[in-house]
Amino acid sequence: MVALQIRHVPEEIRDVLSAEAERRGESLQNYLLEVVAREASSVNNRRLVRDWMARPLASAVAVDVPELLGRHRRDRERHLAKPTVD
């Protein structure tokens, strides 16, 4: 593992982060490692979405969300209206 160091962090930011770590019952070190890991994961996810959207087929697909939701609701209502077998 490597060590990261952040210089010139304002005290008020450090205080907020320390308070959040304490509220969670974690050390500041563990809390900040979670924050950094979450950000790294988010960067990877954004890159995947950006790459996927750059594909010709992905950008040409149009989705009618209200129609899909309506179809799902109608299917669910039909399913719920069916009598159950004991």
PDB file of N, CA and C in Angstrom:
ATOM      1  N   MET A   1       0.842  -1.188   0.000  1.00  0.00           N
ATOM      2  CA  MET A   1       0.000   0.000   0.000  1.00  0.00           C
ATOM      3  C   MET A   1       0.882   1.245   0.000  1.00  0.00           C
ATOM      4  N   VAL A   2       0.303   2.325  -0.479  1.00  0.00           N
ATOM      5  CA  VAL A   2       1.012   3.595  -0.500  1.00  0.00           C
ATOM      6  C   VAL A   2       0.390   4.532   0.531  1.00  0.00           C
ATOM      7  N   ALA A   3       1.112   5.576   0.848  1.00  0.00           N
ATOM      8  CA  ALA A   3       0.604   6.595   1.761  1.00  0.00           C
ATOM      9  C   ALA A   3       0.295   7.852   0.957  1.00  0.00           C
ATOM     10  N   LEU A   4      -0.828   8.486   1.286  1.00  0.00           N
ATOM     11  CA  LEU A   4      -1.198   9.760   0.678  1.00  0.00           C
ATOM     12  C   LEU A   4      -1.106  10.841   1.743  1.00  0.00           C
ATOM     13  N   GLN A   5      -0.711  12.012   1.327  1.00  0.00           N
ATOM     14  CA  GLN A   5      -0.654  13.129   2.258  1.00  0.00           C
ATOM     15  C   GLN A   5      -1.298  14.328   1.584  1.00  0.00           C
ATOM     16  N   ILE A   6      -2.161  15.012   2.315  1.00  0.00           N
ATOM     17  CA  ILE A   6      -2.806  16.212   1.783  1.00  0.00           C
ATOM     18  C   ILE A   6      -2.340  17.389   2.632  1.00  0.00           C
ATOM     19  N   ARG A   7      -1.749  18.336   1.985  1.00  0.00           N
ATOM     20  CA  ARG A   7      -1.242  19.506   2.709  1.00  0.00           C
ATOM     21  C   ARG A   7      -2.207  20.675   2.587  1.00  0.00           C
ATOM     22  N   HIS A   8      -2.095  21.576   3.518  1.00  0.00           N
ATOM     23  CA  HIS A   8      -2.828  22.841   3.513  1.00  0.00           C
ATOM     24  C   HIS A   8      -4.344  22.631   3.601  1.00  0.00           C
ATOM     25  N   VAL A   9      -4.769  21.648   4.395  1.00  0.00           N
ATOM     26  CA  VAL A   9      -6.197  21.424   4.620  1.00  0.00           C
ATOM     27  C   VAL A   9      -6.649  22.421   5.680  1.00  0.00           C
ATOM     28  N   PRO A  10      -7.638  23.252   5.379  1.00  0.00           N
ATOM     29  CA  PRO A  10      -8.135  24.189   6.385  1.00  0.00           C
ATOM     30  C   PRO A  10      -8.668  23.448   7.618  1.00  0.00           C
ATOM     31  N   GLU A  11      -8.449  24.041   8.769  1.00  0.00           N
ATOM     32  CA  GLU A  11      -8.869  23.408  10.024  1.00  0.00           C
ATOM     33  C   GLU A  11     -10.360  23.103  10.045  1.00  0.00           C
ATOM     34  N   GLU A  12     -11.185  23.999   9.483  1.00  0.00           N
ATOM     35  CA  GLU A  12     -12.631  23.761   9.526  1.00  0.00           C
ATOM     36  C   GLU A  12     -13.018  22.524   8.712  1.00  0.00           C
ATOM     37  N   ILE A  13     -12.296  22.259   7.631  1.00  0.00           N
ATOM     38  CA  ILE A  13     -12.562  21.039   6.852  1.00  0.00           C
ATOM     39  C   ILE A  13     -12.120  19.814   7.648  1.00  0.00           C
ATOM     40  N   ARG A  14     -10.928  19.877   8.217  1.00  0.00           N
ATOM     41  CA  ARG A  14     -10.460  18.779   9.058  1.00  0.00           C
ATOM     42  C   ARG A  14     -11.434  18.509  10.200  1.00  0.00           C
ATOM     43  N   ASP A  15     -11.972  19.562  10.809  1.00  0.00           N
ATOM     44  CA  ASP A  15     -12.905  19.392  11.925  1.00  0.00           C
ATOM     45  C   ASP A  15     -14.186  18.696  11.480  1.00  0.00           C
ATOM     46  N   VAL A  16     -14.707  19.069  10.307  1.00  0.00           N
ATOM     47  CA  VAL A  16     -15.924  18.440   9.788  1.00  0.00           C
ATOM     48  C   VAL A  16     -15.670  16.961   9.527  1.00  0.00           C
ATOM     49  N   LEU A  17     -14.543  16.647   8.891  1.00  0.00           N
ATOM     50  CA  LEU A  17     -14.224  15.252   8.586  1.00  0.00           C
ATOM     51  C   LEU A  17     -13.995  14.439   9.858  1.00  0.00           C
ATOM     52  N   SER A  18     -13.310  15.025  10.824  1.00  0.00           N
ATOM     53  CA  SER A  18     -13.079  14.337  12.097  1.00  0.00           C
ATOM     54  C   SER A  18     -14.386  14.066  12.821  1.00  0.00           C
ATOM     55  N   ALA A  19     -15.283  15.048  12.820  1.00  0.00           N
ATOM     56  CA  ALA A  19     -16.576  14.877  13.481  1.00  0.00           C
ATOM     57  C   ALA A  19     -17.393  13.774  12.812  1.00  0.00           C
ATOM     58  N   GLU A  20     -17.353  13.711  11.484  1.00  0.00           N
ATOM     59  CA  GLU A  20     -18.089  12.662  10.764  1.00  0.00           C
ATOM     60  C   GLU A  20     -17.499  11.293  11.060  1.00  0.00           C
ATOM     61  N   ALA A  21     -16.185  11.197  11.095  1.00  0.00           N
ATOM     62  CA  ALA A  21     -15.549   9.920  11.430  1.00  0.00           C
ATOM     63  C   ALA A  21     -15.946   9.493  12.841  1.00  0.00           C
ATOM     64  N   GLU A  22     -15.931  10.427  13.756  1.00  0.00           N
ATOM     65  CA  GLU A  22     -16.311  10.119  15.146  1.00  0.00           C
ATOM     66  C   GLU A  22     -17.771   9.703  15.224  1.00  0.00           C
ATOM     67  N   ARG A  23     -18.646  10.394  14.502  1.00  0.00           N
ATOM     68  CA  ARG A  23     -20.066  10.042  14.500  1.00  0.00           C
ATOM     69  C   ARG A  23     -20.276   8.612  14.013  1.00  0.00           C
ATOM     70  N   ARG A  24     -19.452   8.183  13.076  1.00  0.00           N
ATOM     71  CA  ARG A  24     -19.552   6.826  12.528  1.00  0.00           C
ATOM     72  C   ARG A  24     -18.821   5.795  13.390  1.00  0.00           C
ATOM     73  N   GLY A  25     -18.108   6.266  14.393  1.00  0.00           N
ATOM     74  CA  GLY A  25     -17.350   5.355  15.238  1.00  0.00           C
ATOM     75  C   GLY A  25     -16.094   4.834  14.555  1.00  0.00           C
ATOM     76  N   GLU A  26     -15.525   5.640  13.657  1.00  0.00           N
ATOM     77  CA  GLU A  26     -14.338   5.247  12.906  1.00  0.00           C
ATOM     78  C   GLU A  26     -13.204   6.218  13.192  1.00  0.00           C
ATOM     79  N   SER A  27     -12.007   5.768  12.907  1.00  0.00           N
ATOM     80  CA  SER A  27     -10.878   6.689  12.964  1.00  0.00           C
ATOM     81  C   SER A  27     -10.951   7.596  11.728  1.00  0.00           C
ATOM     82  N   LEU A  28     -10.316   8.730  11.831  1.00  0.00           N
ATOM     83  CA  LEU A  28     -10.261   9.635  10.688  1.00  0.00           C
ATOM     84  C   LEU A  28      -9.573   8.941   9.515  1.00  0.00           C
ATOM     85  N   GLN A  29      -8.524   8.180   9.793  1.00  0.00           N
ATOM     86  CA  GLN A  29      -7.803   7.431   8.760  1.00  0.00           C
ATOM     87  C   GLN A  29      -8.741   6.489   8.006  1.00  0.00           C
ATOM     88  N   ASN A  30      -9.510   5.682   8.721  1.00  0.00           N
ATOM     89  CA  ASN A  30     -10.430   4.744   8.066  1.00  0.00           C
ATOM     90  C   ASN A  30     -11.523   5.466   7.289  1.00  0.00           C
ATOM     91  N   TYR A  31     -12.054   6.519   7.877  1.00  0.00           N
ATOM     92  CA  TYR A  31     -13.101   7.279   7.196  1.00  0.00           C
ATOM     93  C   TYR A  31     -12.574   7.871   5.884  1.00  0.00           C
ATOM     94  N   LEU A  32     -11.393   8.483   5.925  1.00  0.00           N
ATOM     95  CA  LEU A  32     -10.832   9.089   4.719  1.00  0.00           C
ATOM     96  C   LEU A  32     -10.479   8.036   3.671  1.00  0.00           C
ATOM     97  N   LEU A  33     -10.037   6.859   4.101  1.00  0.00           N
ATOM     98  CA  LEU A  33      -9.769   5.785   3.149  1.00  0.00           C
ATOM     99  C   LEU A  33     -11.062   5.379   2.439  1.00  0.00           C
ATOM    100  N   GLU A  34     -12.173   5.313   3.169  1.00  0.00           N
ATOM    101  CA  GLU A  34     -13.469   5.008   2.550  1.00  0.00           C
ATOM    102  C   GLU A  34     -13.862   6.097   1.545  1.00  0.00           C
ATOM    103  N   VAL A  35     -13.656   7.351   1.907  1.00  0.00           N
ATOM    104  CA  VAL A  35     -13.995   8.458   1.005  1.00  0.00           C
ATOM    105  C   VAL A  35     -13.166   8.375  -0.276  1.00  0.00           C
ATOM    106  N   VAL A  36     -11.885   8.122  -0.145  1.00  0.00           N
ATOM    107  CA  VAL A  36     -11.008   8.028  -1.317  1.00  0.00           C
ATOM    108  C   VAL A  36     -11.392   6.820  -2.173  1.00  0.00           C
ATOM    109  N   ALA A  37     -11.676   5.688  -1.542  1.00  0.00           N
ATOM    110  CA  ALA A  37     -12.067   4.486  -2.288  1.00  0.00           C
ATOM    111  C   ALA A  37     -13.387   4.708  -3.018  1.00  0.00           C
ATOM    112  N   ARG A  38     -14.338   5.364  -2.360  1.00  0.00           N
ATOM    113  CA  ARG A  38     -15.635   5.646  -2.992  1.00  0.00           C
ATOM    114  C   ARG A  38     -15.450   6.569  -4.199  1.00  0.00           C
ATOM    115  N   GLU A  39     -14.610   7.560  -4.066  1.00  0.00           N
ATOM    116  CA  GLU A  39     -14.352   8.476  -5.181  1.00  0.00           C
ATOM    117  C   GLU A  39     -13.684   7.741  -6.335  1.00  0.00           C
ATOM    118  N   ALA A  40     -12.717   6.883  -6.042  1.00  0.00           N
ATOM    119  CA  ALA A  40     -12.041   6.114  -7.094  1.00  0.00           C
ATOM    120  C   ALA A  40     -13.041   5.229  -7.823  1.00  0.00           C
ATOM    121  N   SER A  41     -13.927   4.600  -7.093  1.00  0.00           N
ATOM    122  CA  SER A  41     -14.955   3.756  -7.702  1.00  0.00           C
ATOM    123  C   SER A  41     -15.884   4.594  -8.574  1.00  0.00           C
ATOM    124  N   SER A  42     -16.242   5.756  -8.101  1.00  0.00           N
ATOM    125  CA  SER A  42     -17.116   6.653  -8.853  1.00  0.00           C
ATOM    126  C   SER A  42     -16.457   7.097 -10.149  1.00  0.00           C
ATOM    127  N   VAL A  43     -15.172   7.375 -10.112  1.00  0.00           N
ATOM    128  CA  VAL A  43     -14.442   7.772 -11.321  1.00  0.00           C
ATOM    129  C   VAL A  43     -14.504   6.641 -12.341  1.00  0.00           C
ATOM    130  N   ASN A  44     -14.267   5.420 -11.884  1.00  0.00           N
ATOM    131  CA  ASN A  44     -14.328   4.268 -12.796  1.00  0.00           C
ATOM    132  C   ASN A  44     -15.720   4.111 -13.377  1.00  0.00           C
ATOM    133  N   ASN A  45     -16.747   4.282 -12.559  1.00  0.00           N
ATOM    134  CA  ASN A  45     -18.125   4.158 -13.045  1.00  0.00           C
ATOM    135  C   ASN A  45     -18.442   5.237 -14.081  1.00  0.00           C
ATOM    136  N   ARG A  46     -18.024   6.466 -13.821  1.00  0.00           N
ATOM    137  CA  ARG A  46     -18.263   7.545 -14.782  1.00  0.00           C
ATOM    138  C   ARG A  46     -17.541   7.268 -16.100  1.00  0.00           C
ATOM    139  N   ARG A  47     -16.336   6.724 -16.023  1.00  0.00           N
ATOM    140  CA  ARG A  47     -15.580   6.395 -17.232  1.00  0.00           C
ATOM    141  C   ARG A  47     -16.305   5.308 -18.025  1.00  0.00           C
ATOM    142  N   LEU A  48     -16.812   4.284 -17.329  1.00  0.00           N
ATOM    143  CA  LEU A  48     -17.548   3.224 -18.022  1.00  0.00           C
ATOM    144  C   LEU A  48     -18.780   3.773 -18.733  1.00  0.00           C
ATOM    145  N   VAL A  49     -19.527   4.631 -18.060  1.00  0.00           N
ATOM    146  CA  VAL A  49     -20.729   5.215 -18.667  1.00  0.00           C
ATOM    147  C   VAL A  49     -20.345   6.085 -19.858  1.00  0.00           C
ATOM    148  N   ARG A  50     -19.319   6.895 -19.703  1.00  0.00           N
ATOM    149  CA  ARG A  50     -18.870   7.753 -20.802  1.00  0.00           C
ATOM    150  C   ARG A  50     -18.438   6.912 -22.002  1.00  0.00           C
ATOM    151  N   ASP A  51     -17.679   5.840 -21.753  1.00  0.00           N
ATOM    152  CA  ASP A  51     -17.242   4.968 -22.844  1.00  0.00           C
ATOM    153  C   ASP A  51     -18.422   4.270 -23.499  1.00  0.00           C
ATOM    154  N   TRP A  52     -19.377   3.831 -22.693  1.00  0.00           N
ATOM    155  CA  TRP A  52     -20.552   3.146 -23.235  1.00  0.00           C
ATOM    156  C   TRP A  52     -21.374   4.107 -24.096  1.00  0.00           C
ATOM    157  N   MET A  53     -21.555   5.323 -23.612  1.00  0.00           N
ATOM    158  CA  MET A  53     -22.345   6.305 -24.362  1.00  0.00           C
ATOM    159  C   MET A  53     -21.644   6.728 -25.651  1.00  0.00           C
ATOM    160  N   ALA A  54     -20.337   6.583 -25.716  1.00  0.00           N
ATOM    161  CA  ALA A  54     -19.602   6.960 -26.915  1.00  0.00           C
ATOM    162  C   ALA A  54     -19.763   5.937 -28.033  1.00  0.00           C
ATOM    163  N   ARG A  55     -20.230   4.737 -27.679  1.00  0.00           N
ATOM    164  CA  ARG A  55     -20.450   3.718 -28.711  1.00  0.00           C
ATOM    165  C   ARG A  55     -21.613   4.140 -29.607  1.00  0.00           C
ATOM    166  N   PRO A  56     -21.514   3.915 -30.903  1.00  0.00           N
ATOM    167  CA  PRO A  56     -22.569   4.351 -31.828  1.00  0.00           C
ATOM    168  C   PRO A  56     -23.945   3.792 -31.481  1.00  0.00           C
ATOM    169  N   LEU A  57     -24.038   2.534 -31.159  1.00  0.00           N
ATOM    170  CA  LEU A  57     -25.329   1.933 -30.862  1.00  0.00           C
ATOM    171  C   LEU A  57     -25.937   2.512 -29.591  1.00  0.00           C
ATOM    172  N   ALA A  58     -25.121   2.723 -28.572  1.00  0.00           N
ATOM    173  CA  ALA A  58     -25.631   3.225 -27.305  1.00  0.00           C
ATOM    174  C   ALA A  58     -26.220   4.620 -27.444  1.00  0.00           C
ATOM    175  N   SER A  59     -25.590   5.466 -28.224  1.00  0.00           N
ATOM    176  CA  SER A  59     -26.095   6.829 -28.352  1.00  0.00           C
ATOM    177  C   SER A  59     -27.323   6.889 -29.252  1.00  0.00           C
ATOM    178  N   ALA A  60     -27.563   5.842 -30.055  1.00  0.00           N
ATOM    179  CA  ALA A  60     -28.714   5.842 -30.959  1.00  0.00           C
ATOM    180  C   ALA A  60     -29.956   5.241 -30.324  1.00  0.00           C
ATOM    181  N   VAL A  61     -29.815   4.616 -29.165  1.00  0.00           N
ATOM    182  CA  VAL A  61     -30.953   3.957 -28.523  1.00  0.00           C
ATOM    183  C   VAL A  61     -31.805   5.010 -27.824  1.00  0.00           C
ATOM    184  N   ALA A  62     -33.079   5.059 -28.186  1.00  0.00           N
ATOM    185  CA  ALA A  62     -34.017   5.978 -27.537  1.00  0.00           C
ATOM    186  C   ALA A  62     -34.930   5.165 -26.629  1.00  0.00           C
ATOM    187  N   VAL A  63     -35.108   5.620 -25.432  1.00  0.00           N
ATOM    188  CA  VAL A  63     -35.945   4.915 -24.467  1.00  0.00           C
ATOM    189  C   VAL A  63     -37.093   5.833 -24.062  1.00  0.00           C
ATOM    190  N   ASP A  64     -38.304   5.314 -24.197  1.00  0.00           N
ATOM    191  CA  ASP A  64     -39.492   6.043 -23.768  1.00  0.00           C
ATOM    192  C   ASP A  64     -39.827   5.576 -22.355  1.00  0.00           C
ATOM    193  N   VAL A  65     -39.268   6.266 -21.371  1.00  0.00           N
ATOM    194  CA  VAL A  65     -39.406   5.848 -19.983  1.00  0.00           C
ATOM    195  C   VAL A  65     -40.864   5.823 -19.538  1.00  0.00           C
ATOM    196  N   PRO A  66     -41.680   6.841 -19.809  1.00  0.00           N
ATOM    197  CA  PRO A  66     -43.080   6.760 -19.385  1.00  0.00           C
ATOM    198  C   PRO A  66     -43.802   5.545 -19.986  1.00  0.00           C
ATOM    199  N   GLU A  67     -43.509   5.214 -21.234  1.00  0.00           N
ATOM    200  CA  GLU A  67     -44.133   4.042 -21.853  1.00  0.00           C
ATOM    201  C   GLU A  67     -43.680   2.759 -21.176  1.00  0.00           C
ATOM    202  N   LEU A  68     -42.389   2.656 -20.892  1.00  0.00           N
ATOM    203  CA  LEU A  68     -41.889   1.466 -20.206  1.00  0.00           C
ATOM    204  C   LEU A  68     -42.508   1.309 -18.825  1.00  0.00           C
ATOM    205  N   LEU A  69     -42.611   2.410 -18.087  1.00  0.00           N
ATOM    206  CA  LEU A  69     -43.228   2.353 -16.759  1.00  0.00           C
ATOM    207  C   LEU A  69     -44.699   1.970 -16.847  1.00  0.00           C
ATOM    208  N   GLY A  70     -45.405   2.555 -17.816  1.00  0.00           N
ATOM    209  CA  GLY A  70     -46.815   2.221 -17.994  1.00  0.00           C
ATOM    210  C   GLY A  70     -47.000   0.757 -18.332  1.00  0.00           C
ATOM    211  N   ARG A  71     -46.162   0.237 -19.217  1.00  0.00           N
ATOM    212  CA  ARG A  71     -46.248  -1.176 -19.586  1.00  0.00           C
ATOM    213  C   ARG A  71     -45.972  -2.065 -18.374  1.00  0.00           C
ATOM    214  N   HIS A  72     -44.972  -1.701 -17.599  1.00  0.00           N
ATOM    215  CA  HIS A  72     -44.651  -2.470 -16.393  1.00  0.00           C
ATOM    216  C   HIS A  72     -45.826  -2.454 -15.414  1.00  0.00           C
ATOM    217  N   ARG A  73     -46.415  -1.286 -15.208  1.00  0.00           N
ATOM    218  CA  ARG A  73     -47.555  -1.188 -14.281  1.00  0.00           C
ATOM    219  C   ARG A  73     -48.732  -2.021 -14.771  1.00  0.00           C
ATOM    220  N   ARG A  74     -49.015  -1.984 -16.060  1.00  0.00           N
ATOM    221  CA  ARG A  74     -50.132  -2.783 -16.597  1.00  0.00           C
ATOM    222  C   ARG A  74     -49.865  -4.275 -16.422  1.00  0.00           C
ATOM    223  N   ASP A  75     -48.637  -4.700 -16.696  1.00  0.00           N
ATOM    224  CA  ASP A  75     -48.287  -6.110 -16.513  1.00  0.00           C
ATOM    225  C   ASP A  75     -48.420  -6.515 -15.049  1.00  0.00           C
ATOM    226  N   ARG A  76     -47.969  -5.656 -14.164  1.00  0.00           N
ATOM    227  CA  ARG A  76     -48.046  -5.962 -12.736  1.00  0.00           C
ATOM    228  C   ARG A  76     -49.496  -6.036 -12.276  1.00  0.00           C
ATOM    229  N   GLU A  77     -50.327  -5.106 -12.739  1.00  0.00           N
ATOM    230  CA  GLU A  77     -51.744  -5.115 -12.360  1.00  0.00           C
ATOM    231  C   GLU A  77     -52.433  -6.379 -12.876  1.00  0.00           C
ATOM    232  N   ARG A  78     -52.107  -6.796 -14.094  1.00  0.00           N
ATOM    233  CA  ARG A  78     -52.673  -8.055 -14.618  1.00  0.00           C
ATOM    234  C   ARG A  78     -52.226  -9.234 -13.769  1.00  0.00           C
ATOM    235  N   HIS A  79     -50.957  -9.237 -13.392  1.00  0.00           N
ATOM    236  CA  HIS A  79     -50.430 -10.327 -12.571  1.00  0.00           C
ATOM    237  C   HIS A  79     -51.118 -10.359 -11.205  1.00  0.00           C
ATOM    238  N   LEU A  80     -51.301  -9.197 -10.599  1.00  0.00           N
ATOM    239  CA  LEU A  80     -51.934  -9.136  -9.279  1.00  0.00           C
ATOM    240  C   LEU A  80     -53.409  -9.477  -9.345  1.00  0.00           C
ATOM    241  N   ALA A  81     -54.049  -9.254 -10.477  1.00  0.00           N
ATOM    242  CA  ALA A  81     -55.482  -9.528 -10.622  1.00  0.00           C
ATOM    243  C   ALA A  81     -55.768 -11.011 -10.823  1.00  0.00           C
ATOM    244  N   LYS A  82     -54.748 -11.801 -11.182  1.00  0.00           N
ATOM    245  CA  LYS A  82     -54.956 -13.230 -11.384  1.00  0.00           C
ATOM    246  C   LYS A  82     -55.254 -13.886 -10.050  1.00  0.00           C
ATOM    247  N   PRO A  83     -56.199 -14.821 -10.032  1.00  0.00           N
ATOM    248  CA  PRO A  83     -56.484 -15.522  -8.779  1.00  0.00           C
ATOM    249  C   PRO A  83     -55.292 -16.399  -8.394  1.00  0.00           C
ATOM    250  N   THR A  84     -55.062 -16.489  -7.100  1.00  0.00           N
ATOM    251  CA  THR A  84     -53.966 -17.335  -6.620  1.00  0.00           C
ATOM    252  C   THR A  84     -54.454 -18.749  -6.399  1.00  0.00           C
ATOM    253  N   VAL A  85     -53.571 -19.703  -6.576  1.00  0.00           N
ATOM    254  CA  VAL A  85     -53.907 -21.101  -6.381  1.00  0.00           C
ATOM    255  C   VAL A  85     -53.358 -21.530  -5.037  1.00  0.00           C
ATOM    256  N   ASP A  86     -54.213 -22.093  -4.192  1.00  0.00           N
ATOM    257  CA  ASP A  86     -53.760 -22.550  -2.859  1.00  0.00           C
ATOM    258  C   ASP A  86     -53.273 -23.951  -2.888  1.00  0.00           C
TER     259      ASP A  86
END
